[in-house]
Every structure is written in C-alpha cells, then in structure tokens.
Amino acid sequence: MMHDALVRAYVDAFNAADWERIQQLFTPEAVIRGVLGWGGLEVALPIWKELHENMTMRLAIDDLIVSDGKAAALLTETGKFVAPFRGLPDQEPTGRSYEIVAMEWFEFEGDQIRRRWGARDSAAISRQVLG
C-alpha cells in the first residue's frame, strides 16, 4: 500500500471506529505519541476509543505530504463533548461541538505505520466545549 493510502486508511478506520483495522495498519512495536500520552497500541487504543465515543471525534484530511518514508497530515478535527472524558476531568458533558486544526506525522515500515505523532490544541477544544 502506498504511504498516502495508508494514512487515508488510518483516518477512515479511526472515523469508523474500526479498531481491528487500525491494529493491522500499525507495526506490532509501533509508537504513538499524542496530547494524552504515548506508547504502543495498548496505550493509544483506549484513548482513541474514548475520543471517538465520548468526544465523537472525527478527522478530515485537508492536506497530505508524503516523502522519503514519512508523511505529514493537516487535519480538521471535529467532535462533541457527549460523555465524561479523561482530557476534561471533573467536567460534565455539555453537548457542545468543537472544530480545530490538527497535525499528525507518520513514519512507515513497509506497508505499516511505525510511528505516529499527533499535535492538536487541546486548550481550544476545552474553550469550545466548555464555553
């Protein structure tokens, strides 16, 4: 699979909550870094599931650059605060929506993702969903 198609498959699987497919897209020893921590899939998947279910998080690719076994994705992230979430401890869900710009960086090994970094403005999310 071409690396651009691999990033698109990751976004599609994330949006569909297809966690089995997500696991197939990453190497067994993949490292995932994000705002809420870092580690392997055993660390990332519970966070991603909670983001999907409690914040109804969805990603849309605005731009994607692939070169020399690496990729940079500019994303629009949207969601709604519908259930308790670890990133907003002690806050009651408001049902309010958010939209932010997110960036993710990928490194590949063959036809799988070996490393993924995610950067997003979590303070902007809090401002939007908490009012």
C-alpha atoms as a PDB file:
ATOM      1  CA  MET A   1       0.000   0.000   0.000  1.00  0.00           C
ATOM      2  CA  MET A   2       1.306   3.440  -0.853  1.00  0.00           C
ATOM      3  CA  HIS A   3       2.014   5.606   2.175  1.00  0.00           C
ATOM      4  CA  ASP A   4      -0.616   8.223   1.294  1.00  0.00           C
ATOM      5  CA  ALA A   5      -3.202   5.438   1.055  1.00  0.00           C
ATOM      6  CA  LEU A   6      -2.018   4.115   4.424  1.00  0.00           C
ATOM      7  CA  VAL A   7      -2.647   7.477   6.122  1.00  0.00           C
ATOM      8  CA  ARG A   8      -6.062   7.711   4.464  1.00  0.00           C
ATOM      9  CA  ALA A   9      -6.864   4.160   5.621  1.00  0.00           C
ATOM     10  CA  TYR A  10      -5.885   5.127   9.187  1.00  0.00           C
ATOM     11  CA  VAL A  11      -8.212   8.169   9.116  1.00  0.00           C
ATOM     12  CA  ASP A  12     -11.049   6.117   7.597  1.00  0.00           C
ATOM     13  CA  ALA A  13     -10.616   3.335  10.177  1.00  0.00           C
ATOM     14  CA  PHE A  14     -10.473   5.859  13.026  1.00  0.00           C
ATOM     15  CA  ASN A  15     -13.648   7.584  11.861  1.00  0.00           C
ATOM     16  CA  ALA A  16     -15.403   4.217  11.502  1.00  0.00           C
ATOM     17  CA  ALA A  17     -14.211   3.027  14.946  1.00  0.00           C
ATOM     18  CA  ASP A  18     -12.681   0.028  13.167  1.00  0.00           C
ATOM     19  CA  TRP A  19     -10.134  -0.760  15.856  1.00  0.00           C
ATOM     20  CA  GLU A  20      -9.245  -4.126  14.351  1.00  0.00           C
ATOM     21  CA  ARG A  21      -8.291  -2.415  11.089  1.00  0.00           C
ATOM     22  CA  ILE A  22      -6.306   0.223  12.998  1.00  0.00           C
ATOM     23  CA  GLN A  23      -4.247  -2.550  14.589  1.00  0.00           C
ATOM     24  CA  GLN A  24      -3.476  -4.004  11.153  1.00  0.00           C
ATOM     25  CA  LEU A  25      -2.227  -0.628   9.910  1.00  0.00           C
ATOM     26  CA  PHE A  26       0.443  -0.299  12.622  1.00  0.00           C
ATOM     27  CA  THR A  27       3.526  -2.439  13.198  1.00  0.00           C
ATOM     28  CA  PRO A  28       3.364  -4.557  16.380  1.00  0.00           C
ATOM     29  CA  GLU A  29       6.038  -2.353  18.008  1.00  0.00           C
ATOM     30  CA  ALA A  30       4.601   0.967  16.785  1.00  0.00           C
ATOM     31  CA  VAL A  31       4.989   4.045  18.973  1.00  0.00           C
ATOM     32  CA  ILE A  32       2.114   6.547  19.060  1.00  0.00           C
ATOM     33  CA  ARG A  33       2.575   9.968  20.657  1.00  0.00           C
ATOM     34  CA  GLY A  34      -0.199  12.395  21.371  1.00  0.00           C
ATOM     35  CA  VAL A  35      -1.526  15.054  23.698  1.00  0.00           C
ATOM     36  CA  LEU A  36      -2.803  12.491  26.226  1.00  0.00           C
ATOM     37  CA  GLY A  37       0.328  10.328  26.357  1.00  0.00           C
ATOM     38  CA  TRP A  38       2.424   7.966  24.342  1.00  0.00           C
ATOM     39  CA  GLY A  39       3.175   4.285  23.960  1.00  0.00           C
ATOM     40  CA  GLY A  40       2.141   1.367  21.811  1.00  0.00           C
ATOM     41  CA  LEU A  41      -1.313   0.487  20.575  1.00  0.00           C
ATOM     42  CA  GLU A  42      -2.169  -0.825  24.048  1.00  0.00           C
ATOM     43  CA  VAL A  43      -1.890   2.794  25.265  1.00  0.00           C
ATOM     44  CA  ALA A  44      -3.332   4.573  22.217  1.00  0.00           C
ATOM     45  CA  LEU A  45      -6.393   2.404  21.511  1.00  0.00           C
ATOM     46  CA  PRO A  46      -8.200   3.066  24.817  1.00  0.00           C
ATOM     47  CA  ILE A  47      -7.612   6.811  24.357  1.00  0.00           C
ATOM     48  CA  TRP A  48      -8.779   6.708  20.728  1.00  0.00           C
ATOM     49  CA  LYS A  49     -11.881   4.726  21.688  1.00  0.00           C
ATOM     50  CA  GLU A  50     -12.721   7.253  24.396  1.00  0.00           C
ATOM     51  CA  LEU A  51     -12.133  10.163  21.984  1.00  0.00           C
ATOM     52  CA  HIS A  52     -14.423   8.515  19.474  1.00  0.00           C
ATOM     53  CA  GLU A  53     -17.192   7.606  21.919  1.00  0.00           C
ATOM     54  CA  ASN A  54     -17.113  10.451  24.448  1.00  0.00           C
ATOM     55  CA  MET A  55     -15.983  13.340  22.243  1.00  0.00           C
ATOM     56  CA  THR A  56     -17.434  11.972  18.939  1.00  0.00           C
ATOM     57  CA  MET A  57     -14.055  12.870  17.401  1.00  0.00           C
ATOM     58  CA  ARG A  58     -13.734  12.706  13.623  1.00  0.00           C
ATOM     59  CA  LEU A  59     -10.840  13.582  11.335  1.00  0.00           C
ATOM     60  CA  ALA A  60     -10.798  15.010   7.817  1.00  0.00           C
ATOM     61  CA  ILE A  61      -7.610  15.283   5.776  1.00  0.00           C
ATOM     62  CA  ASP A  62      -7.099  18.813   4.462  1.00  0.00           C
ATOM     63  CA  ASP A  63      -3.611  18.211   3.077  1.00  0.00           C
ATOM     64  CA  LEU A  64      -1.176  15.321   2.994  1.00  0.00           C
ATOM     65  CA  ILE A  65       2.506  15.361   2.096  1.00  0.00           C
ATOM     66  CA  VAL A  66       4.426  12.088   1.690  1.00  0.00           C
ATOM     67  CA  SER A  67       8.182  11.893   1.123  1.00  0.00           C
ATOM     68  CA  ASP A  68      11.045   9.528   1.958  1.00  0.00           C
ATOM     69  CA  GLY A  69       9.033   7.113   4.102  1.00  0.00           C
ATOM     70  CA  LYS A  70       7.357   9.866   6.115  1.00  0.00           C
ATOM     71  CA  ALA A  71       4.071  11.738   5.910  1.00  0.00           C
ATOM     72  CA  ALA A  72       2.638  14.942   7.339  1.00  0.00           C
ATOM     73  CA  ALA A  73      -1.120  15.361   7.503  1.00  0.00           C
ATOM     74  CA  LEU A  74      -3.008  18.586   8.083  1.00  0.00           C
ATOM     75  CA  LEU A  75      -6.389  17.651   9.521  1.00  0.00           C
ATOM     76  CA  THR A  76      -9.626  19.219  10.603  1.00  0.00           C
ATOM     77  CA  GLU A  77     -10.764  17.574  13.808  1.00  0.00           C
ATOM     78  CA  THR A  78     -14.364  17.868  14.888  1.00  0.00           C
ATOM     79  CA  GLY A  79     -16.341  16.466  17.756  1.00  0.00           C
ATOM     80  CA  LYS A  80     -18.858  16.976  20.521  1.00  0.00           C
ATOM     81  CA  PHE A  81     -18.468  16.571  24.286  1.00  0.00           C
ATOM     82  CA  VAL A  82     -21.169  13.927  24.946  1.00  0.00           C
ATOM     83  CA  ALA A  83     -19.790  11.816  27.814  1.00  0.00           C
ATOM     84  CA  PRO A  84     -17.156  12.087  30.572  1.00  0.00           C
ATOM     85  CA  PHE A  85     -13.663  12.296  29.126  1.00  0.00           C
ATOM     86  CA  ARG A  86     -10.224  11.948  30.714  1.00  0.00           C
ATOM     87  CA  GLY A  87      -8.941  15.041  28.904  1.00  0.00           C
ATOM     88  CA  LEU A  88     -11.620  17.086  30.696  1.00  0.00           C
ATOM     89  CA  PRO A  89     -11.564  15.636  34.209  1.00  0.00           C
ATOM     90  CA  ASP A  90     -14.321  16.703  36.594  1.00  0.00           C
ATOM     91  CA  GLN A  91     -16.273  18.363  33.772  1.00  0.00           C
ATOM     92  CA  GLU A  92     -19.841  17.442  32.970  1.00  0.00           C
ATOM     93  CA  PRO A  93     -20.515  16.790  29.257  1.00  0.00           C
ATOM     94  CA  THR A  94     -22.022  19.881  27.650  1.00  0.00           C
ATOM     95  CA  GLY A  95     -23.089  18.520  24.264  1.00  0.00           C
ATOM     96  CA  ARG A  96     -21.158  21.390  22.673  1.00  0.00           C
ATOM     97  CA  SER A  97     -19.231  20.861  19.446  1.00  0.00           C
ATOM     98  CA  TYR A  98     -15.668  21.784  18.588  1.00  0.00           C
ATOM     99  CA  GLU A  99     -13.528  22.175  15.481  1.00  0.00           C
ATOM    100  CA  ILE A 100      -9.757  22.542  15.465  1.00  0.00           C
ATOM    101  CA  VAL A 101      -6.755  22.115  13.208  1.00  0.00           C
ATOM    102  CA  ALA A 102      -4.640  19.051  13.996  1.00  0.00           C
ATOM    103  CA  MET A 103      -1.351  17.832  12.595  1.00  0.00           C
ATOM    104  CA  GLU A 104      -0.058  14.288  12.512  1.00  0.00           C
ATOM    105  CA  TRP A 105       3.336  12.970  11.458  1.00  0.00           C
ATOM    106  CA  PHE A 106       3.899   9.380  10.349  1.00  0.00           C
ATOM    107  CA  GLU A 107       6.902   7.135   9.757  1.00  0.00           C
ATOM    108  CA  PHE A 108       6.451   3.853   7.932  1.00  0.00           C
ATOM    109  CA  GLU A 109       7.942   0.398   7.862  1.00  0.00           C
ATOM    110  CA  GLY A 110       6.913  -1.419   4.716  1.00  0.00           C
ATOM    111  CA  ASP A 111       3.131  -1.233   4.421  1.00  0.00           C
ATOM    112  CA  GLN A 112       2.531  -0.256   8.049  1.00  0.00           C
ATOM    113  CA  ILE A 113       2.827   2.760  10.307  1.00  0.00           C
ATOM    114  CA  ARG A 114       5.838   2.501  12.624  1.00  0.00           C
ATOM    115  CA  ARG A 115       5.491   5.845  14.407  1.00  0.00           C
ATOM    116  CA  ARG A 116       2.758   8.445  14.663  1.00  0.00           C
ATOM    117  CA  TRP A 117       2.830  11.809  16.398  1.00  0.00           C
ATOM    118  CA  GLY A 118      -0.284  13.901  16.897  1.00  0.00           C
ATOM    119  CA  ALA A 119      -0.407  17.609  17.750  1.00  0.00           C
ATOM    120  CA  ARG A 120      -3.599  19.493  18.469  1.00  0.00           C
ATOM    121  CA  ASP A 121      -4.695  22.451  20.528  1.00  0.00           C
ATOM    122  CA  SER A 122      -6.461  20.813  23.459  1.00  0.00           C
ATOM    123  CA  ALA A 123      -6.983  24.214  25.109  1.00  0.00           C
ATOM    124  CA  ALA A 124      -9.036  25.290  22.072  1.00  0.00           C
ATOM    125  CA  ILE A 125     -11.146  22.151  22.448  1.00  0.00           C
ATOM    126  CA  SER A 126     -11.783  22.969  26.126  1.00  0.00           C
ATOM    127  CA  ARG A 127     -12.735  26.561  25.314  1.00  0.00           C
ATOM    128  CA  GLN A 128     -15.226  25.430  22.686  1.00  0.00           C
ATOM    129  CA  VAL A 129     -16.886  22.568  24.557  1.00  0.00           C
ATOM    130  CA  LEU A 130     -16.963  24.200  27.984  1.00  0.00           C
ATOM    131  CA  GLY A 131     -17.936  27.669  26.762  1.00  0.00           C
END
